[in-house]
Amino acid sequence: MAVIEGVLQDELNRLERNISQYENMLSKLPRGSIFIRKMGNASFVYRRRKENNKVISEYLGSIHNKNAQKQIELSNEYKRIYHNIRIAKNELKKLRKAYKVYG
């Protein structure tokens, strides 16, 4: 039983560290969702986010603009990290239940 308890405790610590690191990474990325608006033959990139209960749309440039492409990549990175945090938190919840049984 002590071996299982030790393994569960190690895994709990690892997940807590990972969540902390993910949240730190997430805090460095811009918040909001990216959307593309078409006007005629041109496409423009915007970021929509909330500030003080107001929705703000920020113009990022043409779809072909390097800055707009970088912002799209950062938005995808934000989504990936957020998804990983959710998975880690669910795993942490399951491990805590298992640890109660063996602890």
Protein backbone atom coordinates (compact mmCIF):
# COMPACT_ATOMS: atom_id res chain seq x y z
CA MET A 1 0.00 0.00 0.00
CA ALA A 2 2.84 2.41 0.79
CA VAL A 3 4.20 2.00 -2.74
CA ILE A 4 0.86 2.87 -4.33
CA GLU A 5 0.44 5.81 -1.97
CA GLY A 6 3.93 7.06 -2.88
CA VAL A 7 3.28 6.77 -6.59
CA LEU A 8 -0.04 8.61 -6.26
CA GLN A 9 1.62 11.36 -4.22
CA ASP A 10 4.39 11.76 -6.82
CA GLU A 11 1.81 11.98 -9.60
CA LEU A 12 -0.23 14.53 -7.63
CA ASN A 13 2.87 16.69 -7.16
CA ARG A 14 3.79 16.39 -10.84
CA LEU A 15 0.32 17.42 -11.99
CA GLU A 16 0.24 20.39 -9.59
CA ARG A 17 3.63 21.57 -10.94
CA ASN A 18 2.43 21.14 -14.53
CA ILE A 19 -0.75 23.11 -13.88
CA SER A 20 1.27 25.89 -12.28
CA GLN A 21 3.66 26.01 -15.25
CA TYR A 22 0.79 25.96 -17.75
CA GLU A 23 -0.97 28.80 -15.93
CA ASN A 24 2.26 30.80 -15.95
CA MET A 25 2.63 30.23 -19.71
CA LEU A 26 -1.02 31.16 -20.25
CA SER A 27 -0.62 34.45 -18.38
CA LYS A 28 2.05 35.53 -20.89
CA LEU A 29 -0.19 35.01 -23.93
CA PRO A 30 -2.80 37.50 -25.18
CA ARG A 31 -6.37 36.71 -24.16
CA GLY A 32 -9.33 36.67 -26.49
CA SER A 33 -10.48 34.82 -29.54
CA ILE A 34 -9.38 35.47 -33.10
CA PHE A 35 -11.91 35.97 -35.85
CA ILE A 36 -11.57 36.81 -39.52
CA ARG A 37 -13.87 39.26 -41.22
CA LYS A 38 -14.19 39.25 -45.01
CA MET A 39 -14.80 42.52 -46.81
CA GLY A 40 -14.97 42.17 -50.55
CA ASN A 41 -11.97 40.14 -51.65
CA ALA A 42 -9.89 40.99 -48.58
CA SER A 43 -9.83 39.28 -45.17
CA PHE A 44 -8.97 41.03 -41.92
CA VAL A 45 -8.01 39.55 -38.56
CA TYR A 46 -9.48 40.76 -35.25
CA ARG A 47 -9.17 39.71 -31.63
CA ARG A 48 -12.29 39.81 -29.49
CA ARG A 49 -11.90 39.95 -25.72
CA LYS A 50 -13.77 41.14 -22.63
CA GLU A 51 -12.65 44.05 -20.49
CA ASN A 52 -14.79 45.31 -17.62
CA ASN A 53 -17.91 43.56 -18.95
CA LYS A 54 -17.41 45.12 -22.39
CA VAL A 55 -16.56 43.21 -25.53
CA ILE A 56 -13.64 44.80 -27.36
CA SER A 57 -12.66 43.97 -30.92
CA GLU A 58 -9.03 44.76 -31.70
CA TYR A 59 -7.91 45.05 -35.33
CA LEU A 60 -4.76 43.01 -35.97
CA GLY A 61 -4.29 43.56 -39.71
CA SER A 62 -4.78 41.87 -43.02
CA ILE A 63 -4.75 38.08 -43.11
CA HIS A 64 -1.46 38.27 -45.03
CA ASN A 65 0.20 40.50 -42.42
CA LYS A 66 3.02 38.77 -40.46
CA ASN A 67 1.80 40.25 -37.18
CA ALA A 68 -1.72 38.93 -37.77
CA GLN A 69 -0.33 35.47 -38.56
CA LYS A 70 1.73 35.54 -35.36
CA GLN A 71 -1.36 36.53 -33.35
CA ILE A 72 -3.30 33.61 -34.86
CA GLU A 73 -0.47 31.27 -33.82
CA LEU A 74 -0.46 32.74 -30.30
CA SER A 75 -4.22 32.25 -30.09
CA ASN A 76 -3.85 28.61 -31.11
CA GLU A 77 -1.11 28.19 -28.48
CA TYR A 78 -3.44 29.73 -25.85
CA LYS A 79 -6.16 27.24 -26.77
CA ARG A 80 -3.72 24.30 -26.63
CA ILE A 81 -2.38 25.28 -23.20
CA TYR A 82 -5.89 25.96 -21.85
CA HIS A 83 -6.97 22.52 -23.05
CA ASN A 84 -3.95 20.92 -21.34
CA ILE A 85 -4.82 22.69 -18.09
CA ARG A 86 -8.35 21.30 -18.20
CA ILE A 87 -7.06 17.77 -18.79
CA ALA A 88 -4.52 18.08 -15.98
CA LYS A 89 -7.14 19.41 -13.55
CA ASN A 90 -9.48 16.51 -14.37
CA GLU A 91 -6.64 14.03 -13.82
CA LEU A 92 -5.76 15.77 -10.55
CA LYS A 93 -9.34 15.43 -9.37
CA LYS A 94 -9.34 11.69 -10.15
CA LEU A 95 -5.98 11.18 -8.43
CA ARG A 96 -7.15 12.96 -5.30
CA LYS A 97 -10.10 10.58 -5.07
CA ALA A 98 -7.79 7.60 -5.53
CA TYR A 99 -5.35 8.99 -2.95
CA LYS A 100 -8.17 9.24 -0.39
CA VAL A 101 -8.83 5.54 -0.82
CA TYR A 102 -5.18 4.55 -0.28
CA GLY A 103 -4.20 7.40 2.04
